[in-house]
Amino acid sequence: MTGSKKILLIHAPHKPVKAGESINLSRLADALRARGAEVESLAFGERVDYLLDQFEAGALPVVFRGEQGA
């Protein structure tokens, strides 16, 4: 990863589209941090003003369906 990038892992409280599919978000966050990213985990709808400020500042939003786990 070139330079430092802020990534927001956003958890939507909906079940995944395909049953049985899961992503280990803790491992994903650790891998992204190892590549130089600043990673933050939030629940969908939580701290909306903060999220909008982060988007404006260039943070990359990544939305996952399912339980929060990073």
PDB file of N, CA and C in Angstrom:
ATOM      1  N   MET A   1       0.860  -1.170   0.000  1.00  0.00           N
ATOM      2  CA  MET A   1       0.000   0.000   0.000  1.00  0.00           C
ATOM      3  C   MET A   1       0.904   1.230   0.000  1.00  0.00           C
ATOM      4  N   THR A   2       0.703   2.106  -0.936  1.00  0.00           N
ATOM      5  CA  THR A   2       1.523   3.301  -1.003  1.00  0.00           C
ATOM      6  C   THR A   2       0.942   4.370  -0.094  1.00  0.00           C
ATOM      7  N   GLY A   3       1.773   4.911   0.769  1.00  0.00           N
ATOM      8  CA  GLY A   3       1.309   5.929   1.703  1.00  0.00           C
ATOM      9  C   GLY A   3       0.371   5.338   2.740  1.00  0.00           C
ATOM     10  N   SER A   4      -0.105   6.177   3.613  1.00  0.00           N
ATOM     11  CA  SER A   4      -1.026   5.730   4.653  1.00  0.00           C
ATOM     12  C   SER A   4      -2.453   6.060   4.229  1.00  0.00           C
ATOM     13  N   LYS A   5      -3.324   5.103   4.322  1.00  0.00           N
ATOM     14  CA  LYS A   5      -4.722   5.285   3.934  1.00  0.00           C
ATOM     15  C   LYS A   5      -5.603   4.899   5.108  1.00  0.00           C
ATOM     16  N   LYS A   6      -6.605   5.696   5.385  1.00  0.00           N
ATOM     17  CA  LYS A   6      -7.551   5.362   6.444  1.00  0.00           C
ATOM     18  C   LYS A   6      -8.687   4.555   5.838  1.00  0.00           C
ATOM     19  N   ILE A   7      -8.968   3.410   6.446  1.00  0.00           N
ATOM     20  CA  ILE A   7     -10.034   2.528   5.999  1.00  0.00           C
ATOM     21  C   ILE A   7     -11.034   2.378   7.126  1.00  0.00           C
ATOM     22  N   LEU A   8     -12.305   2.598   6.819  1.00  0.00           N
ATOM     23  CA  LEU A   8     -13.373   2.430   7.799  1.00  0.00           C
ATOM     24  C   LEU A   8     -14.110   1.134   7.493  1.00  0.00           C
ATOM     25  N   LEU A   9     -14.010   0.150   8.393  1.00  0.00           N
ATOM     26  CA  LEU A   9     -14.772  -1.084   8.265  1.00  0.00           C
ATOM     27  C   LEU A   9     -16.119  -0.830   8.923  1.00  0.00           C
ATOM     28  N   ILE A  10     -17.171  -0.806   8.135  1.00  0.00           N
ATOM     29  CA  ILE A  10     -18.506  -0.465   8.630  1.00  0.00           C
ATOM     30  C   ILE A  10     -19.360  -1.731   8.618  1.00  0.00           C
ATOM     31  N   HIS A  11     -19.926  -2.051   9.762  1.00  0.00           N
ATOM     32  CA  HIS A  11     -20.714  -3.270   9.917  1.00  0.00           C
ATOM     33  C   HIS A  11     -22.194  -2.952   9.807  1.00  0.00           C
ATOM     34  N   ALA A  12     -22.841  -3.489   8.790  1.00  0.00           N
ATOM     35  CA  ALA A  12     -24.290  -3.328   8.623  1.00  0.00           C
ATOM     36  C   ALA A  12     -24.981  -4.484   9.345  1.00  0.00           C
ATOM     37  N   PRO A  13     -26.031  -4.202  10.098  1.00  0.00           N
ATOM     38  CA  PRO A  13     -26.677  -5.247  10.901  1.00  0.00           C
ATOM     39  C   PRO A  13     -27.622  -6.137  10.090  1.00  0.00           C
ATOM     40  N   HIS A  14     -27.134  -6.668   8.986  1.00  0.00           N
ATOM     41  CA  HIS A  14     -27.932  -7.543   8.125  1.00  0.00           C
ATOM     42  C   HIS A  14     -27.154  -8.825   7.895  1.00  0.00           C
ATOM     43  N   LYS A  15     -27.858  -9.913   7.731  1.00  0.00           N
ATOM     44  CA  LYS A  15     -27.192 -11.184   7.459  1.00  0.00           C
ATOM     45  C   LYS A  15     -26.560 -11.142   6.069  1.00  0.00           C
ATOM     46  N   PRO A  16     -25.435 -11.878   5.888  1.00  0.00           N
ATOM     47  CA  PRO A  16     -24.819 -11.949   4.560  1.00  0.00           C
ATOM     48  C   PRO A  16     -25.811 -12.492   3.529  1.00  0.00           C
ATOM     49  N   VAL A  17     -25.600 -12.138   2.268  1.00  0.00           N
ATOM     50  CA  VAL A  17     -26.488 -12.568   1.192  1.00  0.00           C
ATOM     51  C   VAL A  17     -26.494 -14.089   1.076  1.00  0.00           C
ATOM     52  N   LYS A  18     -25.329 -14.707   1.153  1.00  0.00           N
ATOM     53  CA  LYS A  18     -25.221 -16.159   1.047  1.00  0.00           C
ATOM     54  C   LYS A  18     -24.929 -16.728   2.431  1.00  0.00           C
ATOM     55  N   ALA A  19     -25.760 -17.640   2.872  1.00  0.00           N
ATOM     56  CA  ALA A  19     -25.571 -18.254   4.189  1.00  0.00           C
ATOM     57  C   ALA A  19     -24.239 -18.994   4.237  1.00  0.00           C
ATOM     58  N   GLY A  20     -23.593 -18.914   5.374  1.00  0.00           N
ATOM     59  CA  GLY A  20     -22.344 -19.636   5.564  1.00  0.00           C
ATOM     60  C   GLY A  20     -21.097 -18.857   5.193  1.00  0.00           C
ATOM     61  N   GLU A  21     -21.244 -17.731   4.534  1.00  0.00           N
ATOM     62  CA  GLU A  21     -20.078 -16.929   4.185  1.00  0.00           C
ATOM     63  C   GLU A  21     -19.734 -16.018   5.346  1.00  0.00           C
ATOM     64  N   SER A  22     -18.479 -16.045   5.738  1.00  0.00           N
ATOM     65  CA  SER A  22     -18.055 -15.153   6.808  1.00  0.00           C
ATOM     66  C   SER A  22     -16.644 -14.670   6.522  1.00  0.00           C
ATOM     67  N   ILE A  23     -16.334 -13.516   7.038  1.00  0.00           N
ATOM     68  CA  ILE A  23     -15.019 -12.914   6.878  1.00  0.00           C
ATOM     69  C   ILE A  23     -14.482 -12.642   8.270  1.00  0.00           C
ATOM     70  N   ASN A  24     -13.242 -13.016   8.504  1.00  0.00           N
ATOM     71  CA  ASN A  24     -12.626 -12.731   9.784  1.00  0.00           C
ATOM     72  C   ASN A  24     -12.134 -11.283   9.735  1.00  0.00           C
ATOM     73  N   LEU A  25     -12.968 -10.371  10.239  1.00  0.00           N
ATOM     74  CA  LEU A  25     -12.656  -8.947  10.133  1.00  0.00           C
ATOM     75  C   LEU A  25     -11.460  -8.548  10.982  1.00  0.00           C
ATOM     76  N   SER A  26     -11.220  -9.253  12.074  1.00  0.00           N
ATOM     77  CA  SER A  26     -10.042  -8.950  12.893  1.00  0.00           C
ATOM     78  C   SER A  26      -8.768  -9.228  12.106  1.00  0.00           C
ATOM     79  N   ARG A  27      -8.738 -10.352  11.410  1.00  0.00           N
ATOM     80  CA  ARG A  27      -7.556 -10.685  10.599  1.00  0.00           C
ATOM     81  C   ARG A  27      -7.416  -9.727   9.421  1.00  0.00           C
ATOM     82  N   LEU A  28      -8.546  -9.348   8.820  1.00  0.00           N
ATOM     83  CA  LEU A  28      -8.509  -8.378   7.724  1.00  0.00           C
ATOM     84  C   LEU A  28      -7.942  -7.049   8.210  1.00  0.00           C
ATOM     85  N   ALA A  29      -8.430  -6.572   9.346  1.00  0.00           N
ATOM     86  CA  ALA A  29      -7.936  -5.306   9.902  1.00  0.00           C
ATOM     87  C   ALA A  29      -6.446  -5.395  10.208  1.00  0.00           C
ATOM     88  N   ASP A  30      -6.003  -6.514  10.792  1.00  0.00           N
ATOM     89  CA  ASP A  30      -4.578  -6.692  11.095  1.00  0.00           C
ATOM     90  C   ASP A  30      -3.735  -6.692   9.824  1.00  0.00           C
ATOM     91  N   ALA A  31      -4.220  -7.358   8.780  1.00  0.00           N
ATOM     92  CA  ALA A  31      -3.483  -7.406   7.514  1.00  0.00           C
ATOM     93  C   ALA A  31      -3.388  -6.020   6.879  1.00  0.00           C
ATOM     94  N   LEU A  32      -4.472  -5.268   6.931  1.00  0.00           N
ATOM     95  CA  LEU A  32      -4.447  -3.910   6.385  1.00  0.00           C
ATOM     96  C   LEU A  32      -3.492  -3.018   7.170  1.00  0.00           C
ATOM     97  N   ARG A  33      -3.496  -3.157   8.493  1.00  0.00           N
ATOM     98  CA  ARG A  33      -2.568  -2.375   9.328  1.00  0.00           C
ATOM     99  C   ARG A  33      -1.118  -2.746   9.019  1.00  0.00           C
ATOM    100  N   ALA A  34      -0.867  -4.031   8.795  1.00  0.00           N
ATOM    101  CA  ALA A  34       0.489  -4.478   8.470  1.00  0.00           C
ATOM    102  C   ALA A  34       0.977  -3.872   7.158  1.00  0.00           C
ATOM    103  N   ARG A  35       0.039  -3.515   6.277  1.00  0.00           N
ATOM    104  CA  ARG A  35       0.385  -2.881   4.999  1.00  0.00           C
ATOM    105  C   ARG A  35       0.417  -1.361   5.084  1.00  0.00           C
ATOM    106  N   GLY A  36       0.234  -0.828   6.315  1.00  0.00           N
ATOM    107  CA  GLY A  36       0.362   0.608   6.511  1.00  0.00           C
ATOM    108  C   GLY A  36      -0.931   1.390   6.600  1.00  0.00           C
ATOM    109  N   ALA A  37      -2.059   0.706   6.572  1.00  0.00           N
ATOM    110  CA  ALA A  37      -3.346   1.408   6.640  1.00  0.00           C
ATOM    111  C   ALA A  37      -3.725   1.704   8.087  1.00  0.00           C
ATOM    112  N   GLU A  38      -4.442   2.782   8.252  1.00  0.00           N
ATOM    113  CA  GLU A  38      -5.066   3.092   9.538  1.00  0.00           C
ATOM    114  C   GLU A  38      -6.486   2.548   9.429  1.00  0.00           C
ATOM    115  N   VAL A  39      -6.845   1.612  10.306  1.00  0.00           N
ATOM    116  CA  VAL A  39      -8.132   0.926  10.210  1.00  0.00           C
ATOM    117  C   VAL A  39      -8.977   1.233  11.436  1.00  0.00           C
ATOM    118  N   GLU A  40     -10.235   1.565  11.179  1.00  0.00           N
ATOM    119  CA  GLU A  40     -11.186   1.811  12.261  1.00  0.00           C
ATOM    120  C   GLU A  40     -12.454   1.029  11.957  1.00  0.00           C
ATOM    121  N   SER A  41     -13.074   0.502  12.994  1.00  0.00           N
ATOM    122  CA  SER A  41     -14.270  -0.304  12.846  1.00  0.00           C
ATOM    123  C   SER A  41     -15.449   0.383  13.522  1.00  0.00           C
ATOM    124  N   LEU A  42     -16.566   0.494  12.787  1.00  0.00           N
ATOM    125  CA  LEU A  42     -17.768   1.151  13.310  1.00  0.00           C
ATOM    126  C   LEU A  42     -19.004   0.366  12.905  1.00  0.00           C
ATOM    127  N   ALA A  43     -20.084   0.556  13.651  1.00  0.00           N
ATOM    128  CA  ALA A  43     -21.370  -0.031  13.283  1.00  0.00           C
ATOM    129  C   ALA A  43     -22.113   0.948  12.375  1.00  0.00           C
ATOM    130  N   PHE A  44     -22.865   0.402  11.418  1.00  0.00           N
ATOM    131  CA  PHE A  44     -23.644   1.224  10.498  1.00  0.00           C
ATOM    132  C   PHE A  44     -24.631   2.078  11.289  1.00  0.00           C
ATOM    133  N   GLY A  45     -24.669   3.379  11.009  1.00  0.00           N
ATOM    134  CA  GLY A  45     -25.575   4.284  11.706  1.00  0.00           C
ATOM    135  C   GLY A  45     -24.999   4.875  12.977  1.00  0.00           C
ATOM    136  N   GLU A  46     -23.833   4.422  13.367  1.00  0.00           N
ATOM    137  CA  GLU A  46     -23.177   4.913  14.581  1.00  0.00           C
ATOM    138  C   GLU A  46     -22.296   6.108  14.219  1.00  0.00           C
ATOM    139  N   ARG A  47     -22.401   7.180  14.969  1.00  0.00           N
ATOM    140  CA  ARG A  47     -21.544   8.353  14.784  1.00  0.00           C
ATOM    141  C   ARG A  47     -21.579   8.866  13.338  1.00  0.00           C
ATOM    142  N   VAL A  48     -22.762   9.145  12.848  1.00  0.00           N
ATOM    143  CA  VAL A  48     -22.949   9.527  11.446  1.00  0.00           C
ATOM    144  C   VAL A  48     -22.149  10.774  11.081  1.00  0.00           C
ATOM    145  N   ASP A  49     -22.153  11.791  11.926  1.00  0.00           N
ATOM    146  CA  ASP A  49     -21.386  13.008  11.633  1.00  0.00           C
ATOM    147  C   ASP A  49     -19.901  12.695  11.501  1.00  0.00           C
ATOM    148  N   TYR A  50     -19.397  11.833  12.375  1.00  0.00           N
ATOM    149  CA  TYR A  50     -17.992  11.430  12.327  1.00  0.00           C
ATOM    150  C   TYR A  50     -17.699  10.707  11.007  1.00  0.00           C
ATOM    151  N   LEU A  51     -18.583   9.787  10.610  1.00  0.00           N
ATOM    152  CA  LEU A  51     -18.398   9.068   9.351  1.00  0.00           C
ATOM    153  C   LEU A  51     -18.328  10.025   8.167  1.00  0.00           C
ATOM    154  N   LEU A  52     -19.240  10.975   8.115  1.00  0.00           N
ATOM    155  CA  LEU A  52     -19.243  11.944   7.014  1.00  0.00           C
ATOM    156  C   LEU A  52     -17.956  12.761   6.988  1.00  0.00           C
ATOM    157  N   ASP A  53     -17.468  13.149   8.153  1.00  0.00           N
ATOM    158  CA  ASP A  53     -16.201  13.882   8.227  1.00  0.00           C
ATOM    159  C   ASP A  53     -15.048  13.027   7.707  1.00  0.00           C
ATOM    160  N   GLN A  54     -15.048  11.740   8.053  1.00  0.00           N
ATOM    161  CA  GLN A  54     -13.983  10.844   7.601  1.00  0.00           C
ATOM    162  C   GLN A  54     -14.042  10.638   6.087  1.00  0.00           C
ATOM    163  N   PHE A  55     -15.251  10.513   5.537  1.00  0.00           N
ATOM    164  CA  PHE A  55     -15.387  10.380   4.084  1.00  0.00           C
ATOM    165  C   PHE A  55     -14.848  11.618   3.379  1.00  0.00           C
ATOM    166  N   GLU A  56     -15.190  12.780   3.911  1.00  0.00           N
ATOM    167  CA  GLU A  56     -14.728  14.039   3.325  1.00  0.00           C
ATOM    168  C   GLU A  56     -13.208  14.143   3.377  1.00  0.00           C
ATOM    169  N   ALA A  57     -12.610  13.567   4.422  1.00  0.00           N
ATOM    170  CA  ALA A  57     -11.156  13.604   4.583  1.00  0.00           C
ATOM    171  C   ALA A  57     -10.447  12.544   3.737  1.00  0.00           C
ATOM    172  N   GLY A  58     -11.222  11.721   3.013  1.00  0.00           N
ATOM    173  CA  GLY A  58     -10.609  10.758   2.106  1.00  0.00           C
ATOM    174  C   GLY A  58     -10.549   9.328   2.602  1.00  0.00           C
ATOM    175  N   ALA A  59     -11.195   9.025   3.718  1.00  0.00           N
ATOM    176  CA  ALA A  59     -11.196   7.652   4.220  1.00  0.00           C
ATOM    177  C   ALA A  59     -11.967   6.748   3.258  1.00  0.00           C
ATOM    178  N   LEU A  60     -11.531   5.511   3.158  1.00  0.00           N
ATOM    179  CA  LEU A  60     -12.166   4.532   2.286  1.00  0.00           C
ATOM    180  C   LEU A  60     -13.169   3.710   3.092  1.00  0.00           C
ATOM    181  N   PRO A  61     -14.469   3.803   2.767  1.00  0.00           N
ATOM    182  CA  PRO A  61     -15.461   3.007   3.497  1.00  0.00           C
ATOM    183  C   PRO A  61     -15.579   1.603   2.896  1.00  0.00           C
ATOM    184  N   VAL A  62     -15.598   0.601   3.758  1.00  0.00           N
ATOM    185  CA  VAL A  62     -15.818  -0.783   3.345  1.00  0.00           C
ATOM    186  C   VAL A  62     -16.931  -1.322   4.228  1.00  0.00           C
ATOM    187  N   VAL A  63     -18.063  -1.675   3.626  1.00  0.00           N
ATOM    188  CA  VAL A  63     -19.237  -2.096   4.395  1.00  0.00           C
ATOM    189  C   VAL A  63     -19.375  -3.613   4.331  1.00  0.00           C
ATOM    190  N   PHE A  64     -19.580  -4.212   5.500  1.00  0.00           N
ATOM    191  CA  PHE A  64     -19.774  -5.654   5.617  1.00  0.00           C
ATOM    192  C   PHE A  64     -21.121  -5.935   6.244  1.00  0.00           C
ATOM    193  N   ARG A  65     -21.765  -6.977   5.783  1.00  0.00           N
ATOM    194  CA  ARG A  65     -23.005  -7.429   6.406  1.00  0.00           C
ATOM    195  C   ARG A  65     -22.650  -8.469   7.456  1.00  0.00           C
ATOM    196  N   GLY A  66     -23.345  -8.422   8.580  1.00  0.00           N
ATOM    197  CA  GLY A  66     -23.133  -9.432   9.611  1.00  0.00           C
ATOM    198  C   GLY A  66     -22.686  -8.823  10.912  1.00  0.00           C
ATOM    199  N   GLU A  67     -22.180  -9.678  11.794  1.00  0.00           N
ATOM    200  CA  GLU A  67     -21.798  -9.249  13.128  1.00  0.00           C
ATOM    201  C   GLU A  67     -20.517  -8.442  13.113  1.00  0.00           C
ATOM    202  N   GLN A  68     -20.411  -7.548  14.077  1.00  0.00           N
ATOM    203  CA  GLN A  68     -19.216  -6.726  14.230  1.00  0.00           C
ATOM    204  C   GLN A  68     -18.123  -7.591  14.819  1.00  0.00           C
ATOM    205  N   GLY A  69     -16.902  -7.471  14.277  1.00  0.00           N
ATOM    206  CA  GLY A  69     -15.862  -8.340  14.799  1.00  0.00           C
ATOM    207  C   GLY A  69     -14.445  -7.875  14.591  1.00  0.00           C
ATOM    208  N   ALA A  70     -14.187  -6.621  14.270  1.00  0.00           N
ATOM    209  CA  ALA A  70     -12.801  -6.185  14.076  1.00  0.00           C
ATOM    210  C   ALA A  70     -12.327  -5.373  15.240  1.00  0.00           C
TER     211      ALA A  70
END
